[in-house]
Amino acid sequence: GNRGGPWRTGRNLLITMLLGGLWHGAAWHFVLWGAFHGALLLLARLLPAASYRWIPWPLRALVFFHVTCLGWALFRAETLADCGVVLAKLLDPRGWQFTWWIEQVQRSGEGGPLTLALATIAFVVLLQLVTRQDSPRLVALVWREPWVTRLYFVALLLAACVVLAPEAPPPFIYFQF
């Protein structure tokens, strides 16, 4: 609980997240995932909002998304060693070369579905950016489009879901426990 002051609250939050990680599986990478999750929650509680409000919200969202993805590497890894390999590759700047990624996509033959996915994501992000502003003119600009245009974007989104859907459902993750 939070009735014993900030130190007790922080301790309880961290213990709860550690136990939550252990609940997901009896392996160290799950315990570390719980600790990582708890540390992020603790950091969010301890940092006053004013200390990061100067950072534009799209940048905060981008950083939070990537930090969260790093945490999921802990959760999804089979072992700590696998997690170390994944994190090392993710954090190695040599792998950030955009031309290398384009070559890999071209070799895989997945350029079409990937382009559709990126276009859909870009559209959704742009829509969020436009409608998040408090300007009624920007919101009106998006929604004054004819219904046919809006229907087109909905169809594009559904097509992306169909193209990107796996052929068979992945195995339920909790069956491994």
N, C-alpha and C. Protein backbone atom coordinates (compact mmCIF):
# COMPACT_ATOMS: atom_id res chain seq x y z
N GLY A 1 0.80 -1.18 0.00
CA GLY A 1 0.00 0.00 0.00
C GLY A 1 0.85 1.25 0.00
N ASN A 2 0.15 2.36 0.04
CA ASN A 2 0.85 3.64 0.00
C ASN A 2 0.66 4.42 1.30
N ARG A 3 0.25 3.77 2.36
CA ARG A 3 0.02 4.48 3.62
C ARG A 3 1.28 4.61 4.47
N GLY A 4 2.35 3.95 4.10
CA GLY A 4 3.56 3.98 4.91
C GLY A 4 4.61 4.94 4.40
N GLY A 5 4.25 5.83 3.52
CA GLY A 5 5.22 6.77 2.99
C GLY A 5 5.77 6.32 1.65
N PRO A 6 6.53 7.20 0.99
CA PRO A 6 7.02 6.89 -0.36
C PRO A 6 8.00 5.72 -0.42
N TRP A 7 8.82 5.54 0.61
CA TRP A 7 9.79 4.42 0.58
C TRP A 7 9.07 3.08 0.65
N ARG A 8 8.09 2.98 1.53
CA ARG A 8 7.35 1.72 1.65
C ARG A 8 6.53 1.47 0.38
N THR A 9 5.95 2.53 -0.16
CA THR A 9 5.19 2.38 -1.40
C THR A 9 6.10 1.88 -2.52
N GLY A 10 7.28 2.47 -2.64
CA GLY A 10 8.23 2.04 -3.67
C GLY A 10 8.67 0.61 -3.48
N ARG A 11 8.96 0.25 -2.24
CA ARG A 11 9.37 -1.13 -1.94
C ARG A 11 8.26 -2.10 -2.32
N ASN A 12 7.02 -1.77 -1.92
CA ASN A 12 5.89 -2.66 -2.21
C ASN A 12 5.64 -2.78 -3.72
N LEU A 13 5.79 -1.68 -4.42
CA LEU A 13 5.62 -1.70 -5.87
C LEU A 13 6.66 -2.60 -6.52
N LEU A 14 7.91 -2.47 -6.09
CA LEU A 14 8.98 -3.28 -6.64
C LEU A 14 8.78 -4.77 -6.31
N ILE A 15 8.40 -5.07 -5.08
CA ILE A 15 8.15 -6.47 -4.70
C ILE A 15 7.00 -7.05 -5.53
N THR A 16 5.94 -6.25 -5.70
CA THR A 16 4.79 -6.72 -6.48
C THR A 16 5.19 -7.04 -7.91
N MET A 17 5.99 -6.19 -8.52
CA MET A 17 6.42 -6.42 -9.90
C MET A 17 7.39 -7.60 -10.00
N LEU A 18 8.26 -7.77 -9.02
CA LEU A 18 9.14 -8.94 -9.00
C LEU A 18 8.32 -10.22 -8.92
N LEU A 19 7.33 -10.22 -8.04
CA LEU A 19 6.47 -11.40 -7.92
C LEU A 19 5.64 -11.61 -9.19
N GLY A 20 5.23 -10.50 -9.81
CA GLY A 20 4.50 -10.61 -11.08
C GLY A 20 5.37 -11.24 -12.15
N GLY A 21 6.65 -10.88 -12.19
CA GLY A 21 7.57 -11.51 -13.13
C GLY A 21 7.73 -12.99 -12.85
N LEU A 22 7.86 -13.33 -11.57
CA LEU A 22 7.99 -14.73 -11.18
C LEU A 22 6.71 -15.51 -11.51
N TRP A 23 5.57 -14.84 -11.37
CA TRP A 23 4.29 -15.49 -11.68
C TRP A 23 4.23 -15.88 -13.16
N HIS A 24 4.85 -15.10 -14.02
CA HIS A 24 4.81 -15.40 -15.45
C HIS A 24 5.67 -16.61 -15.80
N GLY A 25 6.60 -16.97 -14.95
CA GLY A 25 7.41 -18.15 -15.21
C GLY A 25 8.58 -18.22 -14.25
N ALA A 26 8.95 -19.43 -13.93
CA ALA A 26 10.04 -19.64 -12.97
C ALA A 26 11.37 -19.60 -13.70
N ALA A 27 11.73 -18.42 -14.15
CA ALA A 27 13.00 -18.23 -14.84
C ALA A 27 13.51 -16.82 -14.53
N TRP A 28 14.83 -16.68 -14.57
CA TRP A 28 15.41 -15.40 -14.19
C TRP A 28 15.01 -14.26 -15.11
N HIS A 29 14.81 -14.56 -16.39
CA HIS A 29 14.46 -13.46 -17.29
C HIS A 29 13.08 -12.89 -16.97
N PHE A 30 12.18 -13.72 -16.43
CA PHE A 30 10.88 -13.19 -16.01
C PHE A 30 11.02 -12.33 -14.75
N VAL A 31 11.86 -12.77 -13.83
CA VAL A 31 12.10 -11.99 -12.61
C VAL A 31 12.73 -10.64 -12.98
N LEU A 32 13.69 -10.66 -13.90
CA LEU A 32 14.31 -9.40 -14.35
C LEU A 32 13.30 -8.52 -15.08
N TRP A 33 12.40 -9.14 -15.84
CA TRP A 33 11.35 -8.36 -16.50
C TRP A 33 10.48 -7.68 -15.45
N GLY A 34 10.13 -8.40 -14.39
CA GLY A 34 9.36 -7.80 -13.31
C GLY A 34 10.12 -6.66 -12.64
N ALA A 35 11.42 -6.85 -12.43
CA ALA A 35 12.24 -5.80 -11.82
C ALA A 35 12.32 -4.58 -12.74
N PHE A 36 12.48 -4.82 -14.02
CA PHE A 36 12.53 -3.74 -15.01
C PHE A 36 11.21 -2.95 -15.00
N HIS A 37 10.11 -3.69 -15.04
CA HIS A 37 8.78 -3.08 -15.02
C HIS A 37 8.59 -2.28 -13.73
N GLY A 38 8.98 -2.87 -12.60
CA GLY A 38 8.87 -2.18 -11.32
C GLY A 38 9.73 -0.93 -11.26
N ALA A 39 10.94 -1.02 -11.81
CA ALA A 39 11.84 0.15 -11.81
C ALA A 39 11.25 1.29 -12.64
N LEU A 40 10.64 0.95 -13.78
CA LEU A 40 10.01 1.99 -14.61
C LEU A 40 8.83 2.63 -13.89
N LEU A 41 8.01 1.80 -13.23
CA LEU A 41 6.88 2.35 -12.48
C LEU A 41 7.36 3.22 -11.33
N LEU A 42 8.40 2.78 -10.66
CA LEU A 42 8.97 3.55 -9.56
C LEU A 42 9.54 4.88 -10.06
N LEU A 43 10.23 4.83 -11.18
CA LEU A 43 10.77 6.05 -11.78
C LEU A 43 9.64 7.02 -12.14
N ALA A 44 8.56 6.48 -12.70
CA ALA A 44 7.42 7.33 -13.07
C ALA A 44 6.80 7.98 -11.83
N ARG A 45 6.78 7.27 -10.71
CA ARG A 45 6.22 7.83 -9.48
C ARG A 45 7.14 8.87 -8.86
N LEU A 46 8.45 8.65 -8.96
CA LEU A 46 9.40 9.53 -8.29
C LEU A 46 9.69 10.82 -9.06
N LEU A 47 9.66 10.73 -10.38
CA LEU A 47 9.97 11.93 -11.17
C LEU A 47 8.76 12.87 -11.19
N PRO A 48 8.96 14.09 -10.79
CA PRO A 48 7.85 15.04 -10.91
C PRO A 48 7.57 15.32 -12.39
N ALA A 49 6.30 15.48 -12.72
CA ALA A 49 5.91 15.69 -14.12
C ALA A 49 6.62 16.89 -14.73
N ALA A 50 6.90 17.89 -13.94
CA ALA A 50 7.55 19.10 -14.47
C ALA A 50 8.96 18.82 -14.97
N SER A 51 9.58 17.74 -14.50
CA SER A 51 10.97 17.46 -14.89
C SER A 51 11.08 16.95 -16.32
N TYR A 52 9.99 16.50 -16.92
CA TYR A 52 10.06 16.02 -18.30
C TYR A 52 9.03 16.67 -19.22
N ARG A 53 8.24 17.60 -18.73
CA ARG A 53 7.23 18.26 -19.56
C ARG A 53 7.84 19.10 -20.68
N TRP A 54 9.08 19.51 -20.52
CA TRP A 54 9.73 20.32 -21.54
C TRP A 54 10.05 19.50 -22.79
N ILE A 55 10.05 18.17 -22.66
CA ILE A 55 10.31 17.30 -23.81
C ILE A 55 9.01 17.16 -24.60
N PRO A 56 9.01 17.40 -25.90
CA PRO A 56 7.77 17.28 -26.68
C PRO A 56 7.17 15.89 -26.54
N TRP A 57 5.84 15.83 -26.44
CA TRP A 57 5.20 14.54 -26.17
C TRP A 57 5.48 13.49 -27.24
N PRO A 58 5.61 13.82 -28.54
CA PRO A 58 5.94 12.74 -29.49
C PRO A 58 7.29 12.09 -29.17
N LEU A 59 8.26 12.88 -28.73
CA LEU A 59 9.56 12.33 -28.37
C LEU A 59 9.46 11.48 -27.11
N ARG A 60 8.68 11.94 -26.12
CA ARG A 60 8.47 11.14 -24.90
C ARG A 60 7.81 9.80 -25.26
N ALA A 61 6.82 9.84 -26.15
CA ALA A 61 6.14 8.61 -26.55
C ALA A 61 7.10 7.67 -27.27
N LEU A 62 7.95 8.22 -28.13
CA LEU A 62 8.91 7.42 -28.88
C LEU A 62 9.91 6.75 -27.93
N VAL A 63 10.43 7.51 -26.99
CA VAL A 63 11.38 6.95 -26.02
C VAL A 63 10.70 5.89 -25.17
N PHE A 64 9.50 6.17 -24.68
CA PHE A 64 8.79 5.20 -23.84
C PHE A 64 8.52 3.91 -24.62
N PHE A 65 8.12 4.04 -25.88
CA PHE A 65 7.86 2.86 -26.71
C PHE A 65 9.11 1.99 -26.82
N HIS A 66 10.26 2.62 -27.09
CA HIS A 66 11.48 1.84 -27.27
C HIS A 66 11.98 1.23 -25.96
N VAL A 67 11.84 1.95 -24.86
CA VAL A 67 12.21 1.39 -23.56
C VAL A 67 11.32 0.19 -23.25
N THR A 68 10.03 0.32 -23.56
CA THR A 68 9.09 -0.79 -23.33
C THR A 68 9.48 -2.00 -24.18
N CYS A 69 9.84 -1.77 -25.42
CA CYS A 69 10.25 -2.87 -26.30
C CYS A 69 11.50 -3.58 -25.77
N LEU A 70 12.43 -2.81 -25.22
CA LEU A 70 13.61 -3.44 -24.62
C LEU A 70 13.19 -4.35 -23.47
N GLY A 71 12.22 -3.91 -22.69
CA GLY A 71 11.71 -4.74 -21.60
C GLY A 71 11.05 -6.01 -22.10
N TRP A 72 10.35 -5.92 -23.24
CA TRP A 72 9.69 -7.11 -23.78
C TRP A 72 10.71 -8.14 -24.26
N ALA A 73 11.91 -7.68 -24.59
CA ALA A 73 12.96 -8.64 -24.96
C ALA A 73 13.24 -9.56 -23.77
N LEU A 74 13.22 -9.00 -22.57
CA LEU A 74 13.39 -9.82 -21.36
C LEU A 74 12.26 -10.84 -21.23
N PHE A 75 11.05 -10.39 -21.51
CA PHE A 75 9.88 -11.25 -21.32
C PHE A 75 9.83 -12.37 -22.34
N ARG A 76 10.13 -12.07 -23.60
CA ARG A 76 9.94 -13.05 -24.66
C ARG A 76 11.13 -14.00 -24.85
N ALA A 77 12.27 -13.70 -24.29
CA ALA A 77 13.45 -14.55 -24.47
C ALA A 77 13.23 -15.91 -23.81
N GLU A 78 13.82 -16.91 -24.39
CA GLU A 78 13.76 -18.25 -23.80
C GLU A 78 14.66 -18.35 -22.57
N THR A 79 15.82 -17.70 -22.65
CA THR A 79 16.79 -17.74 -21.55
C THR A 79 17.41 -16.36 -21.40
N LEU A 80 18.16 -16.18 -20.32
CA LEU A 80 18.89 -14.93 -20.14
C LEU A 80 19.93 -14.73 -21.23
N ALA A 81 20.55 -15.83 -21.66
CA ALA A 81 21.56 -15.73 -22.72
C ALA A 81 20.91 -15.24 -24.02
N ASP A 82 19.73 -15.78 -24.35
CA ASP A 82 19.01 -15.32 -25.54
C ASP A 82 18.67 -13.84 -25.43
N CYS A 83 18.25 -13.44 -24.26
CA CYS A 83 17.92 -12.04 -24.03
C CYS A 83 19.14 -11.16 -24.23
N GLY A 84 20.28 -11.62 -23.74
CA GLY A 84 21.52 -10.87 -23.91
C GLY A 84 21.87 -10.69 -25.37
N VAL A 85 21.68 -11.74 -26.17
CA VAL A 85 21.97 -11.66 -27.60
C VAL A 85 21.03 -10.65 -28.27
N VAL A 86 19.74 -10.74 -27.96
CA VAL A 86 18.76 -9.82 -28.56
C VAL A 86 19.08 -8.38 -28.19
N LEU A 87 19.32 -8.13 -26.90
CA LEU A 87 19.61 -6.76 -26.47
C LEU A 87 20.92 -6.25 -27.06
N ALA A 88 21.93 -7.12 -27.16
CA ALA A 88 23.21 -6.70 -27.75
C ALA A 88 23.01 -6.30 -29.21
N LYS A 89 22.21 -7.06 -29.94
CA LYS A 89 21.98 -6.73 -31.35
C LYS A 89 21.14 -5.46 -31.48
N LEU A 90 20.16 -5.30 -30.61
CA LEU A 90 19.33 -4.09 -30.66
C LEU A 90 20.12 -2.83 -30.33
N LEU A 91 21.05 -2.94 -29.41
CA LEU A 91 21.78 -1.77 -28.94
C LEU A 91 23.09 -1.53 -29.70
N ASP A 92 23.41 -2.41 -30.64
CA ASP A 92 24.64 -2.26 -31.43
C ASP A 92 24.38 -1.27 -32.57
N PRO A 93 25.03 -0.11 -32.56
CA PRO A 93 24.78 0.90 -33.59
C PRO A 93 25.06 0.43 -35.01
N ARG A 94 25.87 -0.60 -35.17
CA ARG A 94 26.14 -1.10 -36.52
C ARG A 94 24.89 -1.67 -37.17
N GLY A 95 23.94 -2.12 -36.36
CA GLY A 95 22.70 -2.67 -36.89
C GLY A 95 21.65 -1.62 -37.21
N TRP A 96 21.96 -0.37 -36.96
CA TRP A 96 20.99 0.71 -37.19
C TRP A 96 21.08 1.30 -38.59
N GLN A 97 21.90 0.72 -39.43
CA GLN A 97 22.08 1.26 -40.77
C GLN A 97 20.83 1.01 -41.60
N PHE A 98 20.22 2.09 -42.06
CA PHE A 98 18.96 1.99 -42.78
C PHE A 98 19.11 1.22 -44.09
N THR A 99 20.24 1.41 -44.78
CA THR A 99 20.44 0.71 -46.05
C THR A 99 20.49 -0.80 -45.83
N TRP A 100 21.06 -1.25 -44.71
CA TRP A 100 21.11 -2.68 -44.41
C TRP A 100 19.70 -3.22 -44.24
N TRP A 101 18.83 -2.47 -43.56
CA TRP A 101 17.44 -2.92 -43.35
C TRP A 101 16.70 -3.01 -44.68
N ILE A 102 16.92 -2.04 -45.56
CA ILE A 102 16.26 -2.06 -46.86
C ILE A 102 16.70 -3.29 -47.65
N GLU A 103 17.99 -3.60 -47.62
CA GLU A 103 18.49 -4.80 -48.31
C GLU A 103 17.84 -6.06 -47.75
N GLN A 104 17.71 -6.14 -46.44
CA GLN A 104 17.12 -7.33 -45.82
C GLN A 104 15.66 -7.48 -46.22
N VAL A 105 14.92 -6.39 -46.27
CA VAL A 105 13.51 -6.44 -46.67
C VAL A 105 13.41 -6.86 -48.13
N GLN A 106 14.28 -6.33 -48.99
CA GLN A 106 14.24 -6.71 -50.40
C GLN A 106 14.55 -8.19 -50.58
N ARG A 107 15.51 -8.71 -49.83
CA ARG A 107 15.85 -10.13 -49.92
C ARG A 107 14.71 -11.02 -49.43
N SER A 108 13.99 -10.55 -48.43
CA SER A 108 12.93 -11.38 -47.84
C SER A 108 11.69 -11.46 -48.71
N GLY A 109 11.51 -10.50 -49.61
CA GLY A 109 10.31 -10.50 -50.44
C GLY A 109 9.09 -9.96 -49.71
N GLU A 110 9.28 -9.38 -48.55
CA GLU A 110 8.17 -8.86 -47.75
C GLU A 110 8.00 -7.35 -47.91
N GLY A 111 8.55 -6.79 -48.97
CA GLY A 111 8.49 -5.34 -49.15
C GLY A 111 7.08 -4.79 -49.25
N GLY A 112 6.20 -5.49 -49.97
CA GLY A 112 4.82 -5.03 -50.14
C GLY A 112 4.07 -4.94 -48.81
N PRO A 113 3.98 -6.06 -48.08
CA PRO A 113 3.28 -5.99 -46.79
C PRO A 113 3.91 -5.00 -45.82
N LEU A 114 5.25 -4.91 -45.83
CA LEU A 114 5.91 -3.98 -44.92
C LEU A 114 5.59 -2.53 -45.30
N THR A 115 5.58 -2.23 -46.60
CA THR A 115 5.23 -0.88 -47.05
C THR A 115 3.80 -0.55 -46.65
N LEU A 116 2.89 -1.50 -46.83
CA LEU A 116 1.50 -1.28 -46.43
C LEU A 116 1.40 -1.04 -44.93
N ALA A 117 2.13 -1.81 -44.16
CA ALA A 117 2.10 -1.64 -42.70
C ALA A 117 2.65 -0.27 -42.30
N LEU A 118 3.78 0.12 -42.89
CA LEU A 118 4.37 1.42 -42.56
C LEU A 118 3.47 2.57 -42.99
N ALA A 119 2.82 2.45 -44.15
CA ALA A 119 1.91 3.51 -44.60
C ALA A 119 0.72 3.62 -43.64
N THR A 120 0.21 2.49 -43.20
CA THR A 120 -0.92 2.51 -42.27
C THR A 120 -0.51 3.12 -40.94
N ILE A 121 0.64 2.71 -40.44
CA ILE A 121 1.13 3.27 -39.17
C ILE A 121 1.35 4.77 -39.30
N ALA A 122 1.96 5.19 -40.42
CA ALA A 122 2.19 6.62 -40.63
C ALA A 122 0.87 7.39 -40.67
N PHE A 123 -0.14 6.81 -41.33
CA PHE A 123 -1.44 7.48 -41.38
C PHE A 123 -2.05 7.61 -39.99
N VAL A 124 -2.01 6.54 -39.22
CA VAL A 124 -2.59 6.58 -37.87
C VAL A 124 -1.84 7.58 -36.99
N VAL A 125 -0.51 7.58 -37.07
CA VAL A 125 0.27 8.54 -36.28
C VAL A 125 -0.04 9.97 -36.71
N LEU A 126 -0.11 10.20 -38.01
CA LEU A 126 -0.44 11.54 -38.51
C LEU A 126 -1.83 11.97 -38.04
N LEU A 127 -2.77 11.05 -38.09
CA LEU A 127 -4.12 11.35 -37.61
C LEU A 127 -4.10 11.71 -36.13
N GLN A 128 -3.32 10.97 -35.35
CA GLN A 128 -3.20 11.28 -33.92
C GLN A 128 -2.57 12.65 -33.70
N LEU A 129 -1.54 12.96 -34.47
CA LEU A 129 -0.88 14.26 -34.32
C LEU A 129 -1.83 15.40 -34.67
N VAL A 130 -2.59 15.22 -35.73
CA VAL A 130 -3.49 16.29 -36.16
C VAL A 130 -4.63 16.46 -35.17
N THR A 131 -5.23 15.37 -34.74
CA THR A 131 -6.40 15.50 -33.85
C THR A 131 -6.00 15.79 -32.42
N ARG A 132 -4.75 15.60 -32.06
CA ARG A 132 -4.32 15.89 -30.69
C ARG A 132 -4.23 17.39 -30.45
N GLN A 133 -3.97 18.13 -31.49
CA GLN A 133 -3.89 19.59 -31.35
C GLN A 133 -5.24 20.13 -30.91
N ASP A 134 -5.21 21.25 -30.24
CA ASP A 134 -6.45 21.86 -29.76
C ASP A 134 -7.11 22.74 -30.81
N SER A 135 -6.53 22.80 -31.98
CA SER A 135 -7.08 23.66 -33.02
C SER A 135 -8.27 22.99 -33.70
N PRO A 136 -9.45 23.60 -33.60
CA PRO A 136 -10.63 23.03 -34.27
C PRO A 136 -10.45 22.97 -35.79
N ARG A 137 -9.63 23.87 -36.35
CA ARG A 137 -9.43 23.85 -37.80
C ARG A 137 -8.74 22.57 -38.24
N LEU A 138 -7.75 22.11 -37.47
CA LEU A 138 -7.05 20.88 -37.85
C LEU A 138 -7.97 19.67 -37.77
N VAL A 139 -8.77 19.61 -36.72
CA VAL A 139 -9.71 18.49 -36.58
C VAL A 139 -10.72 18.52 -37.71
N ALA A 140 -11.22 19.71 -38.04
CA ALA A 140 -12.19 19.84 -39.12
C ALA A 140 -11.58 19.42 -40.45
N LEU A 141 -10.31 19.73 -40.64
CA LEU A 141 -9.63 19.36 -41.88
C LEU A 141 -9.64 17.85 -42.08
N VAL A 142 -9.44 17.10 -41.02
CA VAL A 142 -9.44 15.64 -41.12
C VAL A 142 -10.84 15.11 -41.36
N TRP A 143 -11.81 15.61 -40.62
CA TRP A 143 -13.14 15.02 -40.65
C TRP A 143 -14.08 15.62 -41.69
N ARG A 144 -13.64 16.67 -42.40
CA ARG A 144 -14.52 17.23 -43.42
C ARG A 144 -14.39 16.47 -44.74
N GLU A 145 -13.43 15.58 -44.80
CA GLU A 145 -13.26 14.78 -46.01
C GLU A 145 -14.54 13.99 -46.29
N PRO A 146 -14.82 13.74 -47.56
CA PRO A 146 -16.02 12.97 -47.88
C PRO A 146 -15.96 11.58 -47.26
N TRP A 147 -17.11 11.01 -47.04
CA TRP A 147 -17.18 9.69 -46.40
C TRP A 147 -16.45 8.65 -47.23
N VAL A 148 -16.37 8.85 -48.54
CA VAL A 148 -15.67 7.89 -49.40
C VAL A 148 -14.18 7.87 -49.05
N THR A 149 -13.60 9.03 -48.79
CA THR A 149 -12.19 9.10 -48.42
C THR A 149 -11.95 8.41 -47.08
N ARG A 150 -12.83 8.67 -46.13
CA ARG A 150 -12.68 8.02 -44.82
C ARG A 150 -12.85 6.51 -44.96
N LEU A 151 -13.81 6.09 -45.80
CA LEU A 151 -14.03 4.66 -46.02
C LEU A 151 -12.79 4.03 -46.66
N TYR A 152 -12.13 4.76 -47.55
CA TYR A 152 -10.90 4.27 -48.18
C TYR A 152 -9.84 3.98 -47.12
N PHE A 153 -9.67 4.90 -46.17
CA PHE A 153 -8.65 4.70 -45.14
C PHE A 153 -9.01 3.54 -44.21
N VAL A 154 -10.29 3.36 -43.94
CA VAL A 154 -10.71 2.21 -43.13
C VAL A 154 -10.41 0.92 -43.90
N ALA A 155 -10.71 0.92 -45.20
CA ALA A 155 -10.42 -0.26 -46.02
C ALA A 155 -8.92 -0.54 -46.08
N LEU A 156 -8.12 0.54 -46.17
CA LEU A 156 -6.67 0.38 -46.16
C LEU A 156 -6.19 -0.25 -44.85
N LEU A 157 -6.76 0.20 -43.75
CA LEU A 157 -6.40 -0.36 -42.45
C LEU A 157 -6.80 -1.83 -42.35
N LEU A 158 -7.99 -2.18 -42.82
CA LEU A 158 -8.43 -3.58 -42.81
C LEU A 158 -7.55 -4.44 -43.72
N ALA A 159 -7.19 -3.91 -44.88
CA ALA A 159 -6.31 -4.65 -45.79
C ALA A 159 -4.96 -4.91 -45.14
N ALA A 160 -4.45 -3.91 -44.43
CA ALA A 160 -3.18 -4.10 -43.72
C ALA A 160 -3.30 -5.20 -42.69
N CYS A 161 -4.43 -5.24 -41.98
CA CYS A 161 -4.63 -6.30 -40.98
C CYS A 161 -4.66 -7.67 -41.63
N VAL A 162 -5.32 -7.79 -42.78
CA VAL A 162 -5.42 -9.07 -43.47
C VAL A 162 -4.05 -9.50 -43.99
N VAL A 163 -3.32 -8.58 -44.61
CA VAL A 163 -2.01 -8.91 -45.19
C VAL A 163 -1.01 -9.28 -44.10
N LEU A 164 -1.07 -8.58 -42.98
CA LEU A 164 -0.07 -8.78 -41.94
C LEU A 164 -0.44 -9.87 -40.94
N ALA A 165 -1.66 -10.39 -41.03
CA ALA A 165 -2.08 -11.42 -40.08
C ALA A 165 -1.30 -12.71 -40.33
N PRO A 166 -0.91 -13.41 -39.27
CA PRO A 166 -0.20 -14.68 -39.48
C PRO A 166 -1.13 -15.73 -40.08
N GLU A 167 -0.54 -16.68 -40.81
CA GLU A 167 -1.35 -17.73 -41.43
C GLU A 167 -2.00 -18.62 -40.39
N ALA A 168 -1.30 -18.87 -39.31
CA ALA A 168 -1.85 -19.69 -38.22
C ALA A 168 -1.63 -18.92 -36.93
N PRO A 169 -2.56 -19.07 -36.00
CA PRO A 169 -2.36 -18.34 -34.74
C PRO A 169 -1.12 -18.85 -34.01
N PRO A 170 -0.37 -17.94 -33.40
CA PRO A 170 0.81 -18.38 -32.65
C PRO A 170 0.38 -19.17 -31.41
N PRO A 171 1.24 -20.06 -30.92
CA PRO A 171 0.88 -20.82 -29.73
C PRO A 171 0.70 -19.88 -28.53
N PHE A 172 -0.24 -20.25 -27.69
CA PHE A 172 -0.53 -19.45 -26.50
C PHE A 172 0.70 -19.46 -25.59
N ILE A 173 1.18 -18.27 -25.25
CA ILE A 173 2.46 -18.13 -24.54
C ILE A 173 2.46 -18.82 -23.18
N TYR A 174 1.33 -18.86 -22.51
CA TYR A 174 1.31 -19.41 -21.15
C TYR A 174 1.29 -20.94 -21.13
N PHE A 175 1.19 -21.60 -22.30
CA PHE A 175 1.27 -23.05 -22.32
C PHE A 175 2.66 -23.55 -21.96
N GLN A 176 3.69 -22.69 -22.07
CA GLN A 176 5.04 -23.12 -21.76
C GLN A 176 5.28 -23.26 -20.26
N PHE A 177 4.34 -22.83 -19.44
CA PHE A 177 4.53 -22.91 -18.00
C PHE A 177 3.86 -24.15 -17.48
